[in-house]
Amino acid sequence: MAKDQKITVALTRKQTAPRNAAAKSLREGQFQPKIEADPKAYKRKNKHKADPVLEAEKQDGEVE
């Protein structure tokens, strides 16, 4: 090698920027808007209705 030639090492990964503390604090609950369910919005119906008799038996611990 010649003396004027520099030795370079290829970077294998990008350098990451430090975490943004201000952005992290803005993600906290007090700065988030309160989300309320839209009463007019479409709601998907349940595919399987729960049988109230079976639910009561499971709670009581009785199984036939």
PDB file of N, CA and C in Angstrom:
ATOM      1  N   MET A   1       0.839  -1.188   0.000  1.00  0.00           N
ATOM      2  CA  MET A   1       0.000   0.000   0.000  1.00  0.00           C
ATOM      3  C   MET A   1       0.877   1.241   0.000  1.00  0.00           C
ATOM      4  N   ALA A   2       0.309   2.260  -0.590  1.00  0.00           N
ATOM      5  CA  ALA A   2       1.022   3.533  -0.623  1.00  0.00           C
ATOM      6  C   ALA A   2       0.736   4.310   0.655  1.00  0.00           C
ATOM      7  N   LYS A   3       1.614   5.206   1.021  1.00  0.00           N
ATOM      8  CA  LYS A   3       1.430   5.974   2.248  1.00  0.00           C
ATOM      9  C   LYS A   3       0.286   6.974   2.136  1.00  0.00           C
ATOM     10  N   ASP A   4       0.012   7.517   0.928  1.00  0.00           N
ATOM     11  CA  ASP A   4      -1.043   8.526   0.807  1.00  0.00           C
ATOM     12  C   ASP A   4      -2.442   7.906   0.735  1.00  0.00           C
ATOM     13  N   GLN A   5      -2.545   6.610   0.662  1.00  0.00           N
ATOM     14  CA  GLN A   5      -3.860   5.979   0.519  1.00  0.00           C
ATOM     15  C   GLN A   5      -4.462   5.725   1.911  1.00  0.00           C
ATOM     16  N   LYS A   6      -5.708   6.157   2.101  1.00  0.00           N
ATOM     17  CA  LYS A   6      -6.370   5.991   3.391  1.00  0.00           C
ATOM     18  C   LYS A   6      -7.054   4.628   3.466  1.00  0.00           C
ATOM     19  N   ILE A   7      -7.058   4.069   4.624  1.00  0.00           N
ATOM     20  CA  ILE A   7      -7.753   2.799   4.839  1.00  0.00           C
ATOM     21  C   ILE A   7      -9.172   3.133   5.304  1.00  0.00           C
ATOM     22  N   THR A   8     -10.147   2.647   4.569  1.00  0.00           N
ATOM     23  CA  THR A   8     -11.542   2.911   4.938  1.00  0.00           C
ATOM     24  C   THR A   8     -12.236   1.591   5.243  1.00  0.00           C
ATOM     25  N   VAL A   9     -13.149   1.641   6.167  1.00  0.00           N
ATOM     26  CA  VAL A   9     -13.931   0.470   6.544  1.00  0.00           C
ATOM     27  C   VAL A   9     -15.376   0.758   6.165  1.00  0.00           C
ATOM     28  N   ALA A  10     -15.992  -0.160   5.438  1.00  0.00           N
ATOM     29  CA  ALA A  10     -17.382   0.029   5.025  1.00  0.00           C
ATOM     30  C   ALA A  10     -18.294  -0.063   6.244  1.00  0.00           C
ATOM     31  N   LEU A  11     -19.245   0.844   6.317  1.00  0.00           N
ATOM     32  CA  LEU A  11     -20.206   0.817   7.414  1.00  0.00           C
ATOM     33  C   LEU A  11     -21.241  -0.264   7.126  1.00  0.00           C
ATOM     34  N   THR A  12     -21.489  -1.104   8.091  1.00  0.00           N
ATOM     35  CA  THR A  12     -22.433  -2.197   7.882  1.00  0.00           C
ATOM     36  C   THR A  12     -23.854  -1.814   8.262  1.00  0.00           C
ATOM     37  N   ARG A  13     -24.011  -0.791   9.084  1.00  0.00           N
ATOM     38  CA  ARG A  13     -25.364  -0.366   9.460  1.00  0.00           C
ATOM     39  C   ARG A  13     -25.397   1.143   9.612  1.00  0.00           C
ATOM     40  N   LYS A  14     -26.608   1.684   9.511  1.00  0.00           N
ATOM     41  CA  LYS A  14     -26.760   3.129   9.642  1.00  0.00           C
ATOM     42  C   LYS A  14     -26.710   3.523  11.112  1.00  0.00           C
ATOM     43  N   GLN A  15     -26.224   4.703  11.374  1.00  0.00           N
ATOM     44  CA  GLN A  15     -26.209   5.216  12.734  1.00  0.00           C
ATOM     45  C   GLN A  15     -27.613   5.695  13.083  1.00  0.00           C
ATOM     46  N   THR A  16     -28.083   5.373  14.269  1.00  0.00           N
ATOM     47  CA  THR A  16     -29.422   5.787  14.673  1.00  0.00           C
ATOM     48  C   THR A  16     -29.347   7.112  15.416  1.00  0.00           C
ATOM     49  N   ALA A  17     -30.374   7.914  15.219  1.00  0.00           N
ATOM     50  CA  ALA A  17     -30.447   9.202  15.904  1.00  0.00           C
ATOM     51  C   ALA A  17     -30.886   8.970  17.350  1.00  0.00           C
ATOM     52  N   PRO A  18     -30.506   9.849  18.257  1.00  0.00           N
ATOM     53  CA  PRO A  18     -30.951   9.693  19.648  1.00  0.00           C
ATOM     54  C   PRO A  18     -32.460   9.871  19.762  1.00  0.00           C
ATOM     55  N   ARG A  19     -33.036   9.275  20.780  1.00  0.00           N
ATOM     56  CA  ARG A  19     -34.483   9.346  21.002  1.00  0.00           C
ATOM     57  C   ARG A  19     -34.917  10.789  21.230  1.00  0.00           C
ATOM     58  N   ASN A  20     -36.083  11.129  20.704  1.00  0.00           N
ATOM     59  CA  ASN A  20     -36.622  12.470  20.866  1.00  0.00           C
ATOM     60  C   ASN A  20     -37.471  12.494  22.140  1.00  0.00           C
ATOM     61  N   ALA A  21     -36.943  13.078  23.207  1.00  0.00           N
ATOM     62  CA  ALA A  21     -37.629  13.093  24.500  1.00  0.00           C
ATOM     63  C   ALA A  21     -38.907  13.921  24.442  1.00  0.00           C
ATOM     64  N   ALA A  22     -38.910  15.013  23.671  1.00  0.00           N
ATOM     65  CA  ALA A  22     -40.104  15.852  23.578  1.00  0.00           C
ATOM     66  C   ALA A  22     -41.237  15.098  22.894  1.00  0.00           C
ATOM     67  N   ALA A  23     -40.923  14.354  21.850  1.00  0.00           N
ATOM     68  CA  ALA A  23     -41.952  13.589  21.148  1.00  0.00           C
ATOM     69  C   ALA A  23     -42.500  12.482  22.040  1.00  0.00           C
ATOM     70  N   LYS A  24     -41.636  11.876  22.836  1.00  0.00           N
ATOM     71  CA  LYS A  24     -42.080  10.816  23.736  1.00  0.00           C
ATOM     72  C   LYS A  24     -43.033  11.373  24.794  1.00  0.00           C
ATOM     73  N   SER A  25     -42.745  12.558  25.311  1.00  0.00           N
ATOM     74  CA  SER A  25     -43.616  13.135  26.333  1.00  0.00           C
ATOM     75  C   SER A  25     -44.966  13.540  25.749  1.00  0.00           C
ATOM     76  N   LEU A  26     -44.981  13.893  24.463  1.00  0.00           N
ATOM     77  CA  LEU A  26     -46.258  14.257  23.838  1.00  0.00           C
ATOM     78  C   LEU A  26     -47.138  13.043  23.575  1.00  0.00           C
ATOM     79  N   ARG A  27     -46.596  11.837  23.633  1.00  0.00           N
ATOM     80  CA  ARG A  27     -47.384  10.623  23.436  1.00  0.00           C
ATOM     81  C   ARG A  27     -48.115  10.214  24.710  1.00  0.00           C
ATOM     82  N   GLU A  28     -47.853  10.886  25.829  1.00  0.00           N
ATOM     83  CA  GLU A  28     -48.494  10.529  27.091  1.00  0.00           C
ATOM     84  C   GLU A  28     -49.980  10.854  27.045  1.00  0.00           C
ATOM     85  N   GLY A  29     -50.729  10.301  27.985  1.00  0.00           N
ATOM     86  CA  GLY A  29     -52.178  10.390  27.986  1.00  0.00           C
ATOM     87  C   GLY A  29     -52.748  11.788  28.042  1.00  0.00           C
ATOM     88  N   GLN A  30     -52.110  12.685  28.761  1.00  0.00           N
ATOM     89  CA  GLN A  30     -52.697  14.014  28.921  1.00  0.00           C
ATOM     90  C   GLN A  30     -52.696  14.801  27.616  1.00  0.00           C
ATOM     91  N   PHE A  31     -51.850  14.449  26.668  1.00  0.00           N
ATOM     92  CA  PHE A  31     -51.801  15.161  25.396  1.00  0.00           C
ATOM     93  C   PHE A  31     -52.574  14.444  24.290  1.00  0.00           C
ATOM     94  N   GLN A  32     -53.089  13.245  24.580  1.00  0.00           N
ATOM     95  CA  GLN A  32     -53.834  12.488  23.573  1.00  0.00           C
ATOM     96  C   GLN A  32     -55.301  12.908  23.599  1.00  0.00           C
ATOM     97  N   PRO A  33     -55.943  13.017  22.432  1.00  0.00           N
ATOM     98  CA  PRO A  33     -57.363  13.370  22.418  1.00  0.00           C
ATOM     99  C   PRO A  33     -58.205  12.231  22.978  1.00  0.00           C
ATOM    100  N   LYS A  34     -59.303  12.593  23.622  1.00  0.00           N
ATOM    101  CA  LYS A  34     -60.199  11.583  24.166  1.00  0.00           C
ATOM    102  C   LYS A  34     -61.025  11.016  23.019  1.00  0.00           C
ATOM    103  N   ILE A  35     -60.998   9.707  22.856  1.00  0.00           N
ATOM    104  CA  ILE A  35     -61.701   9.064  21.752  1.00  0.00           C
ATOM    105  C   ILE A  35     -63.021   8.517  22.268  1.00  0.00           C
ATOM    106  N   GLU A  36     -64.097   8.941  21.628  1.00  0.00           N
ATOM    107  CA  GLU A  36     -65.424   8.450  21.984  1.00  0.00           C
ATOM    108  C   GLU A  36     -65.987   7.677  20.808  1.00  0.00           C
ATOM    109  N   ALA A  37     -66.744   6.634  21.099  1.00  0.00           N
ATOM    110  CA  ALA A  37     -67.339   5.825  20.041  1.00  0.00           C
ATOM    111  C   ALA A  37     -68.432   6.621  19.340  1.00  0.00           C
ATOM    112  N   ASP A  38     -68.438   6.558  18.017  1.00  0.00           N
ATOM    113  CA  ASP A  38     -69.449   7.241  17.220  1.00  0.00           C
ATOM    114  C   ASP A  38     -70.726   6.408  17.257  1.00  0.00           C
ATOM    115  N   PRO A  39     -71.830   6.962  17.773  1.00  0.00           N
ATOM    116  CA  PRO A  39     -73.059   6.161  17.861  1.00  0.00           C
ATOM    117  C   PRO A  39     -73.631   5.795  16.493  1.00  0.00           C
ATOM    118  N   LYS A  40     -73.298   6.541  15.454  1.00  0.00           N
ATOM    119  CA  LYS A  40     -73.829   6.261  14.122  1.00  0.00           C
ATOM    120  C   LYS A  40     -72.917   5.332  13.317  1.00  0.00           C
ATOM    121  N   ALA A  41     -71.768   5.003  13.861  1.00  0.00           N
ATOM    122  CA  ALA A  41     -70.810   4.180  13.125  1.00  0.00           C
ATOM    123  C   ALA A  41     -71.305   2.745  13.018  1.00  0.00           C
ATOM    124  N   TYR A  42     -70.897   2.079  11.938  1.00  0.00           N
ATOM    125  CA  TYR A  42     -71.259   0.684  11.715  1.00  0.00           C
ATOM    126  C   TYR A  42     -70.550  -0.189  12.734  1.00  0.00           C
ATOM    127  N   LYS A  43     -71.276  -1.127  13.309  1.00  0.00           N
ATOM    128  CA  LYS A  43     -70.699  -2.070  14.263  1.00  0.00           C
ATOM    129  C   LYS A  43     -70.895  -3.475  13.717  1.00  0.00           C
ATOM    130  N   ARG A  44     -69.842  -4.228  13.663  1.00  0.00           N
ATOM    131  CA  ARG A  44     -69.924  -5.609  13.194  1.00  0.00           C
ATOM    132  C   ARG A  44     -70.608  -6.461  14.251  1.00  0.00           C
ATOM    133  N   LYS A  45     -71.554  -7.275  13.807  1.00  0.00           N
ATOM    134  CA  LYS A  45     -72.275  -8.131  14.746  1.00  0.00           C
ATOM    135  C   LYS A  45     -71.421  -9.339  15.104  1.00  0.00           C
ATOM    136  N   ASN A  46     -71.675  -9.901  16.290  1.00  0.00           N
ATOM    137  CA  ASN A  46     -70.947 -11.088  16.724  1.00  0.00           C
ATOM    138  C   ASN A  46     -71.346 -12.276  15.864  1.00  0.00           C
ATOM    139  N   LYS A  47     -70.394 -13.118  15.534  1.00  0.00           N
ATOM    140  CA  LYS A  47     -70.690 -14.292  14.719  1.00  0.00           C
ATOM    141  C   LYS A  47     -71.439 -15.343  15.523  1.00  0.00           C
ATOM    142  N   HIS A  48     -71.070 -15.531  16.774  1.00  0.00           N
ATOM    143  CA  HIS A  48     -71.683 -16.563  17.602  1.00  0.00           C
ATOM    144  C   HIS A  48     -72.246 -15.911  18.856  1.00  0.00           C
ATOM    145  N   LYS A  49     -73.548 -16.017  18.998  1.00  0.00           N
ATOM    146  CA  LYS A  49     -74.161 -15.472  20.205  1.00  0.00           C
ATOM    147  C   LYS A  49     -73.908 -16.428  21.363  1.00  0.00           C
ATOM    148  N   ALA A  50     -73.615 -15.888  22.512  1.00  0.00           N
ATOM    149  CA  ALA A  50     -73.384 -16.703  23.697  1.00  0.00           C
ATOM    150  C   ALA A  50     -74.730 -17.124  24.268  1.00  0.00           C
ATOM    151  N   ASP A  51     -74.860 -18.411  24.572  1.00  0.00           N
ATOM    152  CA  ASP A  51     -76.095 -18.936  25.145  1.00  0.00           C
ATOM    153  C   ASP A  51     -76.123 -18.574  26.628  1.00  0.00           C
ATOM    154  N   PRO A  52     -77.130 -17.812  27.073  1.00  0.00           N
ATOM    155  CA  PRO A  52     -77.141 -17.376  28.480  1.00  0.00           C
ATOM    156  C   PRO A  52     -77.233 -18.535  29.466  1.00  0.00           C
ATOM    157  N   VAL A  53     -77.882 -19.645  29.078  1.00  0.00           N
ATOM    158  CA  VAL A  53     -77.994 -20.794  29.979  1.00  0.00           C
ATOM    159  C   VAL A  53     -76.621 -21.433  30.187  1.00  0.00           C
ATOM    160  N   LEU A  54     -75.869 -21.598  29.110  1.00  0.00           N
ATOM    161  CA  LEU A  54     -74.535 -22.186  29.233  1.00  0.00           C
ATOM    162  C   LEU A  54     -73.599 -21.281  30.015  1.00  0.00           C
ATOM    163  N   GLU A  55     -73.728 -19.976  29.813  1.00  0.00           N
ATOM    164  CA  GLU A  55     -72.887 -19.031  30.552  1.00  0.00           C
ATOM    165  C   GLU A  55     -73.162 -19.126  32.050  1.00  0.00           C
ATOM    166  N   ALA A  56     -74.451 -19.254  32.428  1.00  0.00           N
ATOM    167  CA  ALA A  56     -74.813 -19.346  33.840  1.00  0.00           C
ATOM    168  C   ALA A  56     -74.278 -20.642  34.447  1.00  0.00           C
ATOM    169  N   GLU A  57     -74.343 -21.736  33.676  1.00  0.00           N
ATOM    170  CA  GLU A  57     -73.837 -23.012  34.190  1.00  0.00           C
ATOM    171  C   GLU A  57     -72.324 -22.971  34.389  1.00  0.00           C
ATOM    172  N   LYS A  58     -71.623 -22.314  33.496  1.00  0.00           N
ATOM    173  CA  LYS A  58     -70.171 -22.217  33.631  1.00  0.00           C
ATOM    174  C   LYS A  58     -69.797 -21.438  34.884  1.00  0.00           C
ATOM    175  N   GLN A  59     -70.577 -20.403  35.188  1.00  0.00           N
ATOM    176  CA  GLN A  59     -70.289 -19.599  36.373  1.00  0.00           C
ATOM    177  C   GLN A  59     -70.590 -20.381  37.648  1.00  0.00           C
ATOM    178  N   ASP A  60     -71.670 -21.194  37.620  1.00  0.00           N
ATOM    179  CA  ASP A  60     -72.038 -21.974  38.799  1.00  0.00           C
ATOM    180  C   ASP A  60     -71.141 -23.190  38.978  1.00  0.00           C
ATOM    181  N   GLY A  61     -70.551 -23.655  37.894  1.00  0.00           N
ATOM    182  CA  GLY A  61     -69.699 -24.826  37.968  1.00  0.00           C
ATOM    183  C   GLY A  61     -70.455 -26.109  37.718  1.00  0.00           C
ATOM    184  N   GLU A  62     -71.690 -26.016  37.274  1.00  0.00           N
ATOM    185  CA  GLU A  62     -72.500 -27.200  36.996  1.00  0.00           C
ATOM    186  C   GLU A  62     -72.372 -27.555  35.520  1.00  0.00           C
ATOM    187  N   VAL A  63     -72.009 -28.803  35.255  1.00  0.00           N
ATOM    188  CA  VAL A  63     -71.928 -29.277  33.878  1.00  0.00           C
ATOM    189  C   VAL A  63     -72.645 -30.606  33.808  1.00  0.00           C
ATOM    190  N   GLU A  64     -73.550 -30.753  32.850  1.00  0.00           N
ATOM    191  CA  GLU A  64     -74.314 -32.000  32.737  1.00  0.00           C
ATOM    192  C   GLU A  64     -73.544 -33.055  32.012  1.00  0.00           C
TER     193      GLU A  64
END
